């Protein structure tokens, strides 16, 4: 979330995830540190980001 510019600090993302405000692949995710893979999508406040592996 920080890398995508959705939050300013990792701790902010931590609280949003714990509060159930983030979804991964369409499902609410409260697991901190969840590994996301190429093609996974996460969303927060109507914005979604699809993970793309760096080359």
PDB file of N, CA and C in Angstrom:
ATOM      1  N   UNK A   1       0.822  -1.176   0.000  1.00  0.00           N
ATOM      2  CA  UNK A   1       0.000   0.000   0.000  1.00  0.00           C
ATOM      3  C   UNK A   1       0.870   1.245   0.000  1.00  0.00           C
ATOM      4  N   UNK A   2       1.961   1.178   0.744  1.00  0.00           N
ATOM      5  CA  UNK A   2       2.869   2.322   0.781  1.00  0.00           C
ATOM      6  C   UNK A   2       3.519   2.522  -0.587  1.00  0.00           C
ATOM      7  N   UNK A   3       3.989   1.459  -1.175  1.00  0.00           N
ATOM      8  CA  UNK A   3       4.629   1.536  -2.490  1.00  0.00           C
ATOM      9  C   UNK A   3       3.673   2.066  -3.550  1.00  0.00           C
ATOM     10  N   UNK A   4       2.391   1.741  -3.420  1.00  0.00           N
ATOM     11  CA  UNK A   4       1.379   2.198  -4.380  1.00  0.00           C
ATOM     12  C   UNK A   4       0.919   3.626  -4.098  1.00  0.00           C
ATOM     13  N   UNK A   5       1.398   4.228  -3.002  1.00  0.00           N
ATOM     14  CA  UNK A   5       1.043   5.604  -2.682  1.00  0.00           C
ATOM     15  C   UNK A   5      -0.318   5.762  -2.015  1.00  0.00           C
ATOM     16  N   UNK A   6      -0.888   4.660  -1.517  1.00  0.00           N
ATOM     17  CA  UNK A   6      -2.192   4.723  -0.864  1.00  0.00           C
ATOM     18  C   UNK A   6      -2.089   5.200   0.586  1.00  0.00           C
ATOM     19  N   UNK A   7      -0.942   4.978   1.210  1.00  0.00           N
ATOM     20  CA  UNK A   7      -0.696   5.413   2.589  1.00  0.00           C
ATOM     21  C   UNK A   7       0.697   6.023   2.660  1.00  0.00           C
ATOM     22  N   UNK A   8       0.924   6.836   3.690  1.00  0.00           N
ATOM     23  CA  UNK A   8       2.229   7.466   3.850  1.00  0.00           C
ATOM     24  C   UNK A   8       3.214   6.609   4.637  1.00  0.00           C
ATOM     25  N   UNK A   9       2.693   5.748   5.509  1.00  0.00           N
ATOM     26  CA  UNK A   9       3.570   4.950   6.363  1.00  0.00           C
ATOM     27  C   UNK A   9       3.040   3.525   6.480  1.00  0.00           C
ATOM     28  N   UNK A  10       3.969   2.602   6.683  1.00  0.00           N
ATOM     29  CA  UNK A  10       3.589   1.205   6.831  1.00  0.00           C
ATOM     30  C   UNK A  10       2.668   0.974   8.018  1.00  0.00           C
ATOM     31  N   UNK A  11       2.878   1.736   9.088  1.00  0.00           N
ATOM     32  CA  UNK A  11       2.037   1.567  10.273  1.00  0.00           C
ATOM     33  C   UNK A  11       0.586   1.941   9.965  1.00  0.00           C
ATOM     34  N   UNK A  12       0.390   2.888   9.090  1.00  0.00           N
ATOM     35  CA  UNK A  12      -0.965   3.266   8.670  1.00  0.00           C
ATOM     36  C   UNK A  12      -1.627   2.088   7.951  1.00  0.00           C
ATOM     37  N   UNK A  13      -0.887   1.433   7.065  1.00  0.00           N
ATOM     38  CA  UNK A  13      -1.404   0.260   6.352  1.00  0.00           C
ATOM     39  C   UNK A  13      -1.741  -0.844   7.339  1.00  0.00           C
ATOM     40  N   UNK A  14      -0.892  -1.030   8.341  1.00  0.00           N
ATOM     41  CA  UNK A  14      -1.115  -2.061   9.362  1.00  0.00           C
ATOM     42  C   UNK A  14      -2.485  -1.896  10.016  1.00  0.00           C
ATOM     43  N   UNK A  15      -2.819  -0.681  10.431  1.00  0.00           N
ATOM     44  CA  UNK A  15      -4.091  -0.439  11.094  1.00  0.00           C
ATOM     45  C   UNK A  15      -5.275  -0.602  10.142  1.00  0.00           C
ATOM     46  N   UNK A  16      -5.125  -0.177   8.902  1.00  0.00           N
ATOM     47  CA  UNK A  16      -6.201  -0.324   7.919  1.00  0.00           C
ATOM     48  C   UNK A  16      -6.485  -1.796   7.643  1.00  0.00           C
ATOM     49  N   UNK A  17      -5.437  -2.585   7.561  1.00  0.00           N
ATOM     50  CA  UNK A  17      -5.585  -4.025   7.327  1.00  0.00           C
ATOM     51  C   UNK A  17      -6.254  -4.679   8.525  1.00  0.00           C
ATOM     52  N   UNK A  18      -5.785  -4.353   9.732  1.00  0.00           N
ATOM     53  CA  UNK A  18      -6.366  -4.930  10.944  1.00  0.00           C
ATOM     54  C   UNK A  18      -7.840  -4.557  11.105  1.00  0.00           C
ATOM     55  N   UNK A  19      -8.227  -3.382  10.626  1.00  0.00           N
ATOM     56  CA  UNK A  19      -9.614  -2.922  10.725  1.00  0.00           C
ATOM     57  C   UNK A  19     -10.504  -3.477   9.612  1.00  0.00           C
ATOM     58  N   UNK A  20      -9.933  -4.300   8.714  1.00  0.00           N
ATOM     59  CA  UNK A  20     -10.717  -4.925   7.655  1.00  0.00           C
ATOM     60  C   UNK A  20     -11.080  -3.998   6.521  1.00  0.00           C
ATOM     61  N   UNK A  21     -10.290  -2.951   6.314  1.00  0.00           N
ATOM     62  CA  UNK A  21     -10.599  -1.977   5.269  1.00  0.00           C
ATOM     63  C   UNK A  21      -9.912  -2.279   3.936  1.00  0.00           C
ATOM     64  N   UNK A  22      -9.158  -3.366   3.876  1.00  0.00           N
ATOM     65  CA  UNK A  22      -8.410  -3.718   2.667  1.00  0.00           C
ATOM     66  C   UNK A  22      -8.895  -5.069   2.168  1.00  0.00           C
ATOM     67  N   UNK A  23      -9.060  -5.178   0.867  1.00  0.00           N
ATOM     68  CA  UNK A  23      -9.419  -6.478   0.299  1.00  0.00           C
ATOM     69  C   UNK A  23      -8.315  -6.949  -0.644  1.00  0.00           C
ATOM     70  N   UNK A  24      -8.172  -8.256  -0.721  1.00  0.00           N
ATOM     71  CA  UNK A  24      -7.209  -8.880  -1.627  1.00  0.00           C
ATOM     72  C   UNK A  24      -7.985  -9.863  -2.484  1.00  0.00           C
ATOM     73  N   UNK A  25      -7.906  -9.670  -3.783  1.00  0.00           N
ATOM     74  CA  UNK A  25      -8.626 -10.513  -4.745  1.00  0.00           C
ATOM     75  C   UNK A  25     -10.120 -10.585  -4.410  1.00  0.00           C
ATOM     76  N   UNK A  26     -10.680  -9.453  -4.006  1.00  0.00           N
ATOM     77  CA  UNK A  26     -12.110  -9.355  -3.765  1.00  0.00           C
ATOM     78  C   UNK A  26     -12.591  -9.798  -2.389  1.00  0.00           C
ATOM     79  N   UNK A  27     -11.677 -10.222  -1.516  1.00  0.00           N
ATOM     80  CA  UNK A  27     -12.057 -10.675  -0.186  1.00  0.00           C
ATOM     81  C   UNK A  27     -11.354  -9.833   0.867  1.00  0.00           C
ATOM     82  N   UNK A  28     -12.086  -9.468   1.925  1.00  0.00           N
ATOM     83  CA  UNK A  28     -11.479  -8.699   3.011  1.00  0.00           C
ATOM     84  C   UNK A  28     -10.314  -9.502   3.581  1.00  0.00           C
ATOM     85  N   UNK A  29      -9.210  -8.822   3.805  1.00  0.00           N
ATOM     86  CA  UNK A  29      -8.007  -9.476   4.304  1.00  0.00           C
ATOM     87  C   UNK A  29      -7.542  -8.752   5.558  1.00  0.00           C
ATOM     88  N   UNK A  30      -7.434  -9.476   6.668  1.00  0.00           N
ATOM     89  CA  UNK A  30      -6.922  -8.871   7.897  1.00  0.00           C
ATOM     90  C   UNK A  30      -5.570  -9.457   8.292  1.00  0.00           C
ATOM     91  N   UNK A  31      -4.966 -10.207   7.383  1.00  0.00           N
ATOM     92  CA  UNK A  31      -3.675 -10.833   7.642  1.00  0.00           C
ATOM     93  C   UNK A  31      -2.543  -9.877   7.270  1.00  0.00           C
ATOM     94  N   UNK A  32      -1.832  -9.390   8.282  1.00  0.00           N
ATOM     95  CA  UNK A  32      -0.676  -8.529   8.020  1.00  0.00           C
ATOM     96  C   UNK A  32       0.440  -9.370   7.413  1.00  0.00           C
ATOM     97  N   UNK A  33       1.188  -8.799   6.509  1.00  0.00           N
ATOM     98  CA  UNK A  33       2.320  -9.494   5.922  1.00  0.00           C
ATOM     99  C   UNK A  33       1.936 -10.536   4.888  1.00  0.00           C
ATOM    100  N   UNK A  34       0.703 -10.498   4.421  1.00  0.00           N
ATOM    101  CA  UNK A  34       0.256 -11.471   3.418  1.00  0.00           C
ATOM    102  C   UNK A  34       1.082 -11.313   2.150  1.00  0.00           C
ATOM    103  N   UNK A  35       1.568 -12.411   1.649  1.00  0.00           N
ATOM    104  CA  UNK A  35       2.353 -12.408   0.427  1.00  0.00           C
ATOM    105  C   UNK A  35       1.422 -12.239  -0.767  1.00  0.00           C
ATOM    106  N   UNK A  36       1.706 -11.252  -1.594  1.00  0.00           N
ATOM    107  CA  UNK A  36       0.931 -11.037  -2.810  1.00  0.00           C
ATOM    108  C   UNK A  36       1.772 -11.482  -4.001  1.00  0.00           C
ATOM    109  N   UNK A  37       1.118 -12.083  -4.946  1.00  0.00           N
ATOM    110  CA  UNK A  37       1.800 -12.629  -6.113  1.00  0.00           C
ATOM    111  C   UNK A  37       1.388 -11.878  -7.373  1.00  0.00           C
ATOM    112  N   UNK A  38       2.167 -12.066  -8.427  1.00  0.00           N
ATOM    113  CA  UNK A  38       1.895 -11.451  -9.721  1.00  0.00           C
ATOM    114  C   UNK A  38       0.445 -11.723 -10.119  1.00  0.00           C
ATOM    115  N   UNK A  39      -0.300 -10.679 -10.402  1.00  0.00           N
ATOM    116  CA  UNK A  39      -1.693 -10.814 -10.809  1.00  0.00           C
ATOM    117  C   UNK A  39      -2.688 -10.605  -9.683  1.00  0.00           C
ATOM    118  N   UNK A  40      -2.230 -10.662  -8.416  1.00  0.00           N
ATOM    119  CA  UNK A  40      -3.128 -10.382  -7.289  1.00  0.00           C
ATOM    120  C   UNK A  40      -3.545  -8.916  -7.317  1.00  0.00           C
ATOM    121  N   UNK A  41      -4.739  -8.647  -6.815  1.00  0.00           N
ATOM    122  CA  UNK A  41      -5.245  -7.280  -6.757  1.00  0.00           C
ATOM    123  C   UNK A  41      -5.642  -6.964  -5.322  1.00  0.00           C
ATOM    124  N   UNK A  42      -5.217  -5.790  -4.843  1.00  0.00           N
ATOM    125  CA  UNK A  42      -5.684  -5.353  -3.541  1.00  0.00           C
ATOM    126  C   UNK A  42      -6.385  -4.018  -3.707  1.00  0.00           C
ATOM    127  N   UNK A  43      -7.339  -3.752  -2.814  1.00  0.00           N
ATOM    128  CA  UNK A  43      -8.150  -2.548  -2.934  1.00  0.00           C
ATOM    129  C   UNK A  43      -8.357  -1.892  -1.579  1.00  0.00           C
ATOM    130  N   UNK A  44      -8.458  -0.548  -1.630  1.00  0.00           N
ATOM    131  CA  UNK A  44      -8.708   0.260  -0.448  1.00  0.00           C
ATOM    132  C   UNK A  44      -9.393   1.542  -0.901  1.00  0.00           C
ATOM    133  N   UNK A  45     -10.503   1.883  -0.284  1.00  0.00           N
ATOM    134  CA  UNK A  45     -11.269   3.095  -0.566  1.00  0.00           C
ATOM    135  C   UNK A  45     -11.539   3.301  -2.060  1.00  0.00           C
ATOM    136  N   UNK A  46     -11.965   2.253  -2.714  1.00  0.00           N
ATOM    137  CA  UNK A  46     -12.340   2.355  -4.116  1.00  0.00           C
ATOM    138  C   UNK A  46     -11.180   2.356  -5.101  1.00  0.00           C
ATOM    139  N   UNK A  47      -9.966   2.349  -4.606  1.00  0.00           N
ATOM    140  CA  UNK A  47      -8.790   2.264  -5.488  1.00  0.00           C
ATOM    141  C   UNK A  47      -8.297   0.829  -5.469  1.00  0.00           C
ATOM    142  N   UNK A  48      -7.944   0.307  -6.620  1.00  0.00           N
ATOM    143  CA  UNK A  48      -7.381  -1.038  -6.653  1.00  0.00           C
ATOM    144  C   UNK A  48      -6.061  -1.028  -7.412  1.00  0.00           C
ATOM    145  N   UNK A  49      -5.207  -1.944  -6.989  1.00  0.00           N
ATOM    146  CA  UNK A  49      -3.875  -2.068  -7.571  1.00  0.00           C
ATOM    147  C   UNK A  49      -3.645  -3.537  -7.892  1.00  0.00           C
ATOM    148  N   UNK A  50      -3.171  -3.805  -9.091  1.00  0.00           N
ATOM    149  CA  UNK A  50      -2.808  -5.167  -9.474  1.00  0.00           C
ATOM    150  C   UNK A  50      -1.300  -5.308  -9.378  1.00  0.00           C
ATOM    151  N   UNK A  51      -0.874  -6.357  -8.703  1.00  0.00           N
ATOM    152  CA  UNK A  51       0.558  -6.591  -8.491  1.00  0.00           C
ATOM    153  C   UNK A  51       1.169  -7.104  -9.784  1.00  0.00           C
ATOM    154  N   UNK A  52       2.281  -6.513 -10.144  1.00  0.00           N
ATOM    155  CA  UNK A  52       3.021  -6.964 -11.318  1.00  0.00           C
ATOM    156  C   UNK A  52       4.456  -7.215 -10.892  1.00  0.00           C
ATOM    157  N   UNK A  53       4.941  -8.402 -11.170  1.00  0.00           N
ATOM    158  CA  UNK A  53       6.300  -8.770 -10.797  1.00  0.00           C
ATOM    159  C   UNK A  53       7.291  -7.899 -11.555  1.00  0.00           C
ATOM    160  N   UNK A  54       8.321  -7.465 -10.857  1.00  0.00           N
ATOM    161  CA  UNK A  54       9.353  -6.677 -11.535  1.00  0.00           C
ATOM    162  C   UNK A  54      10.215  -7.604 -12.376  1.00  0.00           C
ATOM    163  N   UNK A  55      10.724  -7.067 -13.439  1.00  0.00           N
ATOM    164  CA  UNK A  55      11.519  -7.889 -14.358  1.00  0.00           C
ATOM    165  C   UNK A  55      12.968  -7.653 -14.158  1.00  0.00           C
TER     166      UNK A  55
END
